[in-house]
N, C-alpha and C. Protein backbone atom coordinates (compact mmCIF):
# COMPACT_ATOMS: atom_id res chain seq x y z
N MET A 1 -9.22 -39.28 26.93
CA MET A 1 -8.75 -37.96 27.28
C MET A 1 -8.51 -37.85 28.77
N GLY A 2 -8.06 -38.90 29.39
CA GLY A 2 -7.77 -38.85 30.81
C GLY A 2 -6.53 -38.04 31.08
N LEU A 3 -6.37 -37.66 32.31
CA LEU A 3 -5.21 -36.90 32.69
C LEU A 3 -4.09 -37.84 33.08
N SER A 4 -2.88 -37.48 32.74
CA SER A 4 -1.73 -38.26 33.17
C SER A 4 -0.75 -37.32 33.83
N ALA A 5 -0.18 -37.74 34.93
CA ALA A 5 0.77 -36.90 35.65
C ALA A 5 2.00 -36.66 34.78
N CYS A 6 2.52 -35.44 34.85
CA CYS A 6 3.68 -35.09 34.02
C CYS A 6 4.41 -33.94 34.68
N ALA A 7 5.28 -34.23 35.61
CA ALA A 7 6.00 -33.16 36.30
C ALA A 7 7.28 -32.85 35.53
N VAL A 8 7.29 -31.76 34.84
CA VAL A 8 8.46 -31.35 34.07
C VAL A 8 8.86 -29.97 34.56
N GLY A 9 9.99 -29.88 35.18
CA GLY A 9 10.46 -28.60 35.68
C GLY A 9 9.57 -28.03 36.76
N GLY A 10 8.67 -28.86 37.30
CA GLY A 10 7.81 -28.41 38.37
C GLY A 10 6.66 -27.52 37.93
N THR A 11 6.47 -27.32 36.62
CA THR A 11 5.42 -26.41 36.19
C THR A 11 4.30 -27.12 35.45
N ARG A 12 4.60 -28.05 34.57
CA ARG A 12 3.56 -28.76 33.83
C ARG A 12 3.10 -29.93 34.68
N THR A 13 1.81 -30.09 34.81
CA THR A 13 1.34 -31.10 35.75
C THR A 13 0.40 -32.14 35.17
N GLY A 14 -0.25 -31.89 34.05
CA GLY A 14 -1.16 -32.89 33.53
C GLY A 14 -1.41 -32.71 32.05
N GLU A 15 -1.43 -33.83 31.32
CA GLU A 15 -1.73 -33.78 29.90
C GLU A 15 -3.23 -33.89 29.71
N LEU A 16 -3.82 -32.90 29.03
CA LEU A 16 -5.25 -32.90 28.78
C LEU A 16 -5.62 -33.66 27.52
N ASP A 17 -4.90 -33.39 26.45
CA ASP A 17 -5.23 -34.01 25.17
C ASP A 17 -4.02 -33.91 24.25
N ALA A 18 -3.92 -34.85 23.34
CA ALA A 18 -2.89 -34.85 22.30
C ALA A 18 -3.60 -35.12 20.99
N VAL A 19 -3.43 -34.21 20.02
CA VAL A 19 -4.13 -34.34 18.74
C VAL A 19 -3.19 -33.99 17.59
N LYS A 20 -3.55 -34.43 16.40
CA LYS A 20 -2.88 -34.04 15.17
C LYS A 20 -3.64 -32.86 14.57
N SER A 21 -2.94 -32.03 13.85
CA SER A 21 -3.60 -30.93 13.14
C SER A 21 -4.37 -31.50 11.95
N ASP A 22 -5.24 -30.69 11.37
CA ASP A 22 -6.04 -31.13 10.23
C ASP A 22 -5.17 -31.66 9.08
N SER A 23 -4.04 -31.02 8.84
CA SER A 23 -3.16 -31.45 7.74
C SER A 23 -2.32 -32.66 8.13
N GLY A 24 -2.21 -32.93 9.43
CA GLY A 24 -1.36 -34.00 9.91
C GLY A 24 0.09 -33.58 10.08
N ALA A 25 0.42 -32.34 9.74
CA ALA A 25 1.80 -31.86 9.81
C ALA A 25 2.25 -31.54 11.23
N LEU A 26 1.30 -31.22 12.10
CA LEU A 26 1.62 -30.83 13.47
C LEU A 26 0.98 -31.77 14.47
N SER A 27 1.69 -32.01 15.56
CA SER A 27 1.12 -32.70 16.71
C SER A 27 1.03 -31.69 17.84
N VAL A 28 -0.06 -31.72 18.59
CA VAL A 28 -0.29 -30.75 19.65
C VAL A 28 -0.61 -31.49 20.94
N VAL A 29 0.14 -31.21 21.99
CA VAL A 29 -0.16 -31.71 23.33
C VAL A 29 -0.54 -30.50 24.17
N VAL A 30 -1.67 -30.60 24.87
CA VAL A 30 -2.12 -29.52 25.75
C VAL A 30 -1.95 -29.99 27.18
N GLU A 31 -1.24 -29.18 27.99
CA GLU A 31 -0.99 -29.51 29.38
C GLU A 31 -1.48 -28.40 30.29
N THR A 32 -1.90 -28.80 31.49
CA THR A 32 -2.38 -27.83 32.46
C THR A 32 -1.22 -27.15 33.16
N LEU A 33 -1.44 -25.93 33.58
CA LEU A 33 -0.50 -25.16 34.38
C LEU A 33 -1.27 -24.47 35.49
N PRO A 34 -0.91 -24.47 36.69
CA PRO A 34 0.09 -25.32 37.33
C PRO A 34 -0.54 -26.53 38.04
N ARG A 35 -1.83 -26.75 37.86
CA ARG A 35 -2.47 -27.87 38.58
C ARG A 35 -2.77 -29.03 37.64
N VAL A 36 -3.19 -30.16 38.19
CA VAL A 36 -3.39 -31.37 37.41
C VAL A 36 -4.69 -31.34 36.61
N SER A 37 -5.71 -30.68 37.10
CA SER A 37 -6.98 -30.66 36.37
C SER A 37 -7.41 -29.23 36.10
N LEU A 38 -8.31 -29.09 35.15
CA LEU A 38 -8.89 -27.77 34.88
C LEU A 38 -10.08 -27.56 35.79
N ASP A 39 -10.26 -26.34 36.19
CA ASP A 39 -11.41 -25.96 37.00
C ASP A 39 -12.23 -24.95 36.24
N ARG A 40 -13.49 -24.82 36.65
CA ARG A 40 -14.28 -23.72 36.10
C ARG A 40 -13.59 -22.43 36.50
N GLY A 41 -13.57 -21.50 35.58
CA GLY A 41 -12.90 -20.22 35.82
C GLY A 41 -11.77 -20.03 34.83
N THR A 42 -10.83 -19.17 35.20
CA THR A 42 -9.72 -18.83 34.32
C THR A 42 -8.57 -19.81 34.52
N ASN A 43 -8.05 -20.32 33.42
CA ASN A 43 -6.99 -21.32 33.44
C ASN A 43 -5.83 -20.89 32.56
N ALA A 44 -4.66 -21.47 32.83
CA ALA A 44 -3.48 -21.31 31.98
C ALA A 44 -3.09 -22.69 31.47
N LEU A 45 -2.72 -22.76 30.20
CA LEU A 45 -2.35 -24.02 29.55
C LEU A 45 -1.05 -23.84 28.80
N GLU A 46 -0.40 -24.96 28.51
CA GLU A 46 0.76 -24.92 27.64
C GLU A 46 0.49 -25.84 26.46
N PHE A 47 0.67 -25.30 25.26
CA PHE A 47 0.59 -26.10 24.03
C PHE A 47 2.02 -26.46 23.66
N VAL A 48 2.27 -27.73 23.40
CA VAL A 48 3.56 -28.19 22.90
C VAL A 48 3.30 -28.66 21.47
N VAL A 49 3.87 -27.94 20.51
CA VAL A 49 3.62 -28.19 19.09
C VAL A 49 4.88 -28.76 18.45
N THR A 50 4.74 -29.95 17.84
CA THR A 50 5.87 -30.61 17.19
C THR A 50 5.53 -30.97 15.75
N ASP A 51 6.57 -31.16 14.95
CA ASP A 51 6.38 -31.58 13.56
C ASP A 51 6.38 -33.11 13.49
N SER A 52 6.33 -33.65 12.28
CA SER A 52 6.24 -35.11 12.11
C SER A 52 7.48 -35.84 12.61
N ALA A 53 8.60 -35.14 12.73
CA ALA A 53 9.83 -35.74 13.25
C ALA A 53 9.95 -35.59 14.76
N GLY A 54 8.98 -34.90 15.39
CA GLY A 54 9.01 -34.72 16.84
C GLY A 54 9.75 -33.48 17.31
N ALA A 55 10.17 -32.64 16.38
CA ALA A 55 10.89 -31.40 16.73
C ALA A 55 9.88 -30.30 17.06
N GLY A 56 10.19 -29.49 18.08
CA GLY A 56 9.34 -28.36 18.43
C GLY A 56 9.25 -27.36 17.29
N VAL A 57 8.04 -26.82 17.08
CA VAL A 57 7.81 -25.88 15.98
C VAL A 57 7.64 -24.48 16.58
N ASP A 58 8.59 -23.60 16.26
CA ASP A 58 8.54 -22.22 16.72
C ASP A 58 8.07 -21.31 15.59
N GLY A 59 7.77 -20.06 15.93
CA GLY A 59 7.41 -19.06 14.93
C GLY A 59 5.97 -19.12 14.47
N LEU A 60 5.12 -19.84 15.20
CA LEU A 60 3.71 -19.92 14.82
C LEU A 60 2.91 -18.82 15.50
N SER A 61 1.87 -18.37 14.84
CA SER A 61 0.85 -17.55 15.48
C SER A 61 -0.30 -18.48 15.82
N LEU A 62 -0.77 -18.44 17.06
CA LEU A 62 -1.88 -19.28 17.49
C LEU A 62 -3.08 -18.41 17.83
N ASP A 63 -4.22 -18.81 17.33
CA ASP A 63 -5.50 -18.20 17.69
C ASP A 63 -6.29 -19.31 18.37
N VAL A 64 -6.57 -19.16 19.66
CA VAL A 64 -7.23 -20.20 20.45
C VAL A 64 -8.61 -19.70 20.87
N VAL A 65 -9.64 -20.48 20.50
CA VAL A 65 -11.02 -20.13 20.83
C VAL A 65 -11.62 -21.25 21.68
N PRO A 66 -11.85 -21.00 22.99
CA PRO A 66 -12.56 -21.99 23.80
C PRO A 66 -14.00 -22.11 23.31
N TRP A 67 -14.48 -23.34 23.13
CA TRP A 67 -15.81 -23.56 22.56
C TRP A 67 -16.48 -24.73 23.28
N MET A 68 -17.73 -24.56 23.63
CA MET A 68 -18.52 -25.61 24.27
C MET A 68 -19.52 -26.11 23.24
N PRO A 69 -19.23 -27.24 22.56
CA PRO A 69 -20.06 -27.68 21.43
C PRO A 69 -21.50 -28.03 21.81
N VAL A 70 -21.73 -28.59 22.99
CA VAL A 70 -23.08 -28.96 23.39
C VAL A 70 -23.96 -27.72 23.55
N MET A 71 -23.37 -26.64 24.01
CA MET A 71 -24.12 -25.40 24.22
C MET A 71 -24.09 -24.48 23.00
N GLY A 72 -23.16 -24.74 22.07
CA GLY A 72 -23.07 -23.92 20.87
C GLY A 72 -22.53 -22.52 21.10
N HIS A 73 -21.66 -22.37 22.10
CA HIS A 73 -21.08 -21.05 22.36
C HIS A 73 -19.67 -21.18 22.89
N GLY A 74 -18.97 -20.07 22.84
CA GLY A 74 -17.62 -19.98 23.39
C GLY A 74 -17.62 -19.15 24.65
N ALA A 75 -16.47 -18.64 24.98
CA ALA A 75 -16.30 -17.79 26.16
C ALA A 75 -16.16 -16.34 25.70
N SER A 76 -16.50 -15.41 26.58
CA SER A 76 -16.41 -13.99 26.22
C SER A 76 -14.99 -13.45 26.37
N VAL A 77 -14.13 -14.17 27.08
CA VAL A 77 -12.75 -13.74 27.30
C VAL A 77 -11.87 -14.35 26.20
N VAL A 78 -11.03 -13.53 25.59
CA VAL A 78 -10.13 -13.99 24.53
C VAL A 78 -8.80 -14.41 25.16
N PRO A 79 -8.38 -15.68 24.98
CA PRO A 79 -7.10 -16.11 25.52
C PRO A 79 -5.93 -15.36 24.89
N THR A 80 -4.85 -15.24 25.66
CA THR A 80 -3.61 -14.66 25.15
C THR A 80 -2.60 -15.78 24.94
N VAL A 81 -1.73 -15.61 23.96
CA VAL A 81 -0.74 -16.64 23.63
C VAL A 81 0.64 -16.00 23.60
N GLN A 82 1.58 -16.68 24.25
CA GLN A 82 2.96 -16.21 24.27
C GLN A 82 3.88 -17.37 23.90
N ALA A 83 4.72 -17.18 22.89
CA ALA A 83 5.70 -18.20 22.50
C ALA A 83 6.77 -18.30 23.57
N GLU A 84 7.13 -19.56 23.91
CA GLU A 84 8.16 -19.79 24.93
C GLU A 84 9.42 -20.42 24.35
N GLY A 85 9.38 -20.84 23.09
CA GLY A 85 10.52 -21.51 22.47
C GLY A 85 10.39 -23.03 22.56
N SER A 86 11.14 -23.72 21.73
CA SER A 86 11.15 -25.18 21.67
C SER A 86 9.76 -25.76 21.41
N GLY A 87 8.93 -25.03 20.66
CA GLY A 87 7.60 -25.51 20.32
C GLY A 87 6.56 -25.34 21.41
N LYS A 88 6.89 -24.61 22.47
CA LYS A 88 5.97 -24.41 23.59
C LYS A 88 5.32 -23.03 23.51
N TYR A 89 4.02 -23.00 23.77
CA TYR A 89 3.24 -21.78 23.73
C TYR A 89 2.38 -21.70 24.98
N LEU A 90 2.52 -20.62 25.74
CA LEU A 90 1.73 -20.40 26.94
C LEU A 90 0.41 -19.75 26.54
N VAL A 91 -0.70 -20.38 26.90
CA VAL A 91 -2.03 -19.86 26.59
C VAL A 91 -2.70 -19.51 27.91
N GLU A 92 -2.92 -18.23 28.14
CA GLU A 92 -3.51 -17.77 29.40
C GLU A 92 -4.88 -17.15 29.14
N ASN A 93 -5.60 -16.88 30.23
CA ASN A 93 -6.96 -16.32 30.16
C ASN A 93 -7.92 -17.26 29.45
N VAL A 94 -7.77 -18.55 29.68
CA VAL A 94 -8.69 -19.53 29.10
C VAL A 94 -9.86 -19.66 30.07
N GLU A 95 -10.96 -18.98 29.76
CA GLU A 95 -12.13 -18.92 30.63
C GLU A 95 -13.07 -20.07 30.32
N LEU A 96 -13.21 -20.98 31.28
CA LEU A 96 -14.08 -22.15 31.16
C LEU A 96 -15.11 -22.03 32.28
N PHE A 97 -16.24 -21.42 31.98
CA PHE A 97 -17.18 -21.02 33.02
C PHE A 97 -18.27 -22.04 33.33
N MET A 98 -18.32 -23.14 32.60
CA MET A 98 -19.34 -24.16 32.83
C MET A 98 -18.70 -25.54 32.83
N PRO A 99 -19.26 -26.48 33.60
CA PRO A 99 -18.76 -27.86 33.51
C PRO A 99 -19.23 -28.49 32.20
N GLY A 100 -18.46 -29.46 31.71
CA GLY A 100 -18.83 -30.17 30.49
C GLY A 100 -17.68 -30.25 29.52
N LEU A 101 -17.98 -30.70 28.31
CA LEU A 101 -16.97 -30.85 27.26
C LEU A 101 -16.64 -29.49 26.64
N TRP A 102 -15.37 -29.17 26.61
CA TRP A 102 -14.86 -27.96 25.98
C TRP A 102 -13.87 -28.34 24.88
N GLN A 103 -13.84 -27.53 23.84
CA GLN A 103 -12.85 -27.64 22.78
C GLN A 103 -12.00 -26.38 22.78
N LEU A 104 -10.76 -26.51 22.35
CA LEU A 104 -9.91 -25.35 22.10
C LEU A 104 -9.68 -25.30 20.60
N ARG A 105 -10.56 -24.62 19.90
CA ARG A 105 -10.46 -24.51 18.44
C ARG A 105 -9.28 -23.62 18.12
N THR A 106 -8.23 -24.23 17.59
CA THR A 106 -6.94 -23.56 17.44
C THR A 106 -6.55 -23.45 15.97
N THR A 107 -6.16 -22.24 15.58
CA THR A 107 -5.63 -21.99 14.24
C THR A 107 -4.16 -21.65 14.37
N PHE A 108 -3.33 -22.36 13.61
CA PHE A 108 -1.90 -22.12 13.55
C PHE A 108 -1.60 -21.43 12.22
N SER A 109 -0.80 -20.38 12.25
CA SER A 109 -0.43 -19.74 10.99
C SER A 109 1.03 -19.31 11.02
N ASN A 110 1.64 -19.42 9.86
CA ASN A 110 3.01 -18.98 9.62
C ASN A 110 3.28 -19.24 8.14
N GLY A 111 2.70 -18.43 7.30
CA GLY A 111 2.81 -18.65 5.86
C GLY A 111 1.71 -19.56 5.35
N THR A 112 1.38 -20.58 6.10
CA THR A 112 0.25 -21.46 5.80
C THR A 112 -0.63 -21.52 7.04
N THR A 113 -1.82 -22.06 6.88
CA THR A 113 -2.76 -22.15 8.00
C THR A 113 -3.12 -23.60 8.25
N ASP A 114 -3.21 -23.97 9.52
CA ASP A 114 -3.59 -25.32 9.92
C ASP A 114 -4.48 -25.19 11.16
N HIS A 115 -5.20 -26.25 11.47
CA HIS A 115 -6.13 -26.22 12.60
C HIS A 115 -6.01 -27.49 13.43
N ALA A 116 -6.32 -27.37 14.71
CA ALA A 116 -6.43 -28.52 15.60
C ALA A 116 -7.49 -28.21 16.63
N VAL A 117 -8.12 -29.26 17.16
CA VAL A 117 -9.19 -29.05 18.14
C VAL A 117 -9.00 -30.00 19.32
N PRO A 118 -8.10 -29.66 20.24
CA PRO A 118 -8.01 -30.44 21.48
C PRO A 118 -9.31 -30.27 22.26
N SER A 119 -9.71 -31.32 22.98
CA SER A 119 -10.93 -31.24 23.78
C SER A 119 -10.74 -31.96 25.10
N PHE A 120 -11.57 -31.59 26.09
CA PHE A 120 -11.44 -32.13 27.43
C PHE A 120 -12.68 -31.79 28.23
N GLU A 121 -12.86 -32.50 29.34
CA GLU A 121 -13.98 -32.26 30.25
C GLU A 121 -13.56 -31.33 31.38
N VAL A 122 -14.46 -30.44 31.75
CA VAL A 122 -14.26 -29.55 32.89
C VAL A 122 -15.30 -29.94 33.93
N GLN A 123 -14.85 -30.13 35.16
CA GLN A 123 -15.77 -30.52 36.25
C GLN A 123 -16.42 -29.32 36.88
């Protein structure tokens, strides 16, 4: 889960994690905005969601819950999600208040429901 540089349009700067959804139908890449690493505090992320053919998936509702598995708790702030098109979703107000391993327990819905759990370390 290392970070890799990724300057796209000057806004996306680092890939945090890439995972498949529980069903395997979706691939999810989580990237930092606008810096390369996540810091403790409030962060903005971009989810890039694609199907098995690599096409961006639009029209999804995302419910994102930051969760710290070692501590058994999440954050008190609820992230907001805004669709950007081409399978991109802006996730803001991601409050990561402690260093350590965090998960973004994500539910995708649009007629059916699927889940993915990207994870990463916060310094």
